Each structure stands twice: as C-alpha cells, then as structure tokens.
C-alpha cells in the first residue's frame, strides 16, 4: 500500500450478457469515476436516462439469497453484483460508475474473467489522491452451527482463507488461503466459475432462480461427474469460486480492506453478516491512507445499528 494512489478507468467500456437468475439480457457500461466516489451503480431506462443511483457499500445490500443484491428503500437496483465487485477489488479499481440497463449484472462465463478483460480494455489510471483503506484492528467473528466467518488484523494487505465441505465425491472438503493482489487475483481466482448441482435445478427454477443458467456460465455437477464438456479450470475450482465471491462481497466495505478473512462453510449471507458486524463496531476498524503508518489512521462514523448480528449456514453460487 506504500504510496498507492486511487485509480479509475482511462475510458468507458461496455459488457453485454444475460443474468444467471433472471435470464434477461443486460448491458453494463463502465465509466471513469471521480476521486473518492467509490463504486456507484446507476440504473438506465429505455431512453438512456438515469433512473436511480446507489453507492455500492454494505448499506446497499438488500438480499443475499444465491447472490448479492444491491438496492435502496425503493427496492432492488441490481442483483448478482459480486463477480463484478470482485474484479474491481481484485484489480485495485477504486472509483467507477456502473450503468446497468437490466435487473442483474450479466453472469458472462460464471467467473470474473470477462470483467477483468473489460477493465484491461478500458485501462486504469492513477489519480492524485492517496488510496484509503479500512484497517481491521481487532477480530470480528460471526457464526451459526458449523459455519463461521472472521475478519482479523493482517499486516500484509488483504488475505482470504476459505474452507468448504460438501457431501459430494467430486467436492468434499477443500481449502485455500491466498493473499489477494492483482497478480494473484488474475492467475488464481478470476477464472473460477459459479457452480450448482443438477439435483437442485427444478427447485431453483420453481423459486424463480437460475432461469439463465447454462453450461456456458455455470459449473454443473451431477451425482458422479462434472457435466461441462471442458471440465474443471482448477482442481479445486469450487473453493476458488468461494474466494472470488468473498472478495466481491467484502468489496462492499466501501474501501479496500487491510485484513485477513476466514470463511468456513459460508457464502454470500455469511460474508455480508461478517462485514455488517465489522461496520457496526467502530472500535474494530479505522481508515488509513496509503503511506500512512499503520495504527495511526482516522476513525469513521459508526454505521447504522442493526445491520447484522448473525451468520448463516452454507450456500451455493
């Protein structure tokens, strides 16, 4: 973090696809953002005008069932934001405006790879202001049954330690611990795809989920094999995708985290619960600037009470 400056896009770039849950076509247009503006989502109407705008932070999360949904008192603005958010955080993009003309961020191939490619196409540029971070200064943990998540102080940047366990012969117990920076994110995490089980398809469809899912955007697991023709991209692609989701969900801190995050048998709900618990305890974190000695940052106002006090069991996506 020494001397790091805030970044944004050099130029705008557009990405089109379908929503994995809605099945609807959608186009994102990513624009350069102003200094200190963070990640801002804007919904675009048919005539190209901006209907609504929200800043992507933990207060904007309205649901976490199978995906992270962002919205406000008017209702949801967009669903399935986590892979795009992961690309922003993984590549150290601080300020960007996301225009979206549908209800859901496109799933693309089920990973963050297409968003990484789009950011590479747009290019990044450093601004004058130093990057700001949220430094975790004491552990915060939430748990339920066998699932738990914990943020703790970490001297070397941002680290994710994920562990999953599924009663399935092709998954079983997998674990991965990795320091997240642009190089490791590109190589080890960005291409890991969302996954699901054939046995759950009918239930998901009847509940209105996975209407746009296909072998092109989801790693599909039957009782005894991977159904995708190209197989796995990594031997442990399942846990790598959980790391990808965690990076995206924790991007909703609003600033990059200086912390280690451990998640066991978790998912979007758990990630959000841990982040809410952190924000609700102003003694557990502080804001620091790049180049500023650790431990001497300025505090930040406490987030609204009642954000979250419990974690949840395991989920898939």
Foldseek 3Di string as FASTA:
>chain_A
DAPAFAKWFQAKFKDWAAAQQQRHIKMKIKGTFDPPQFEKEFEAEPVGDTDDMDHQALQQFDDPAVWTFGHDPVDTQATRCQQLLLLCLLARHGGMYIYMHDRYDHLQQQFNVVSNVRRVVRDMDGDDHFAKAKFFDAKFKFDDDQKIKIKGGDDPFEKEWEWAADPAPLAGIDIDIDHGHNVCCNPPARPQGFEDEPVCVVVSVVVSTRPNDDLRGYFYDYRHATPRPVGGPDSNSQRSPQVSSLSRLLSSNRGGYRTYMYIYQAHNQNSSQRSLRCLQDQVRIAMDGRNDDPPPGHTDDRDDPPSHDHGDGHDGD
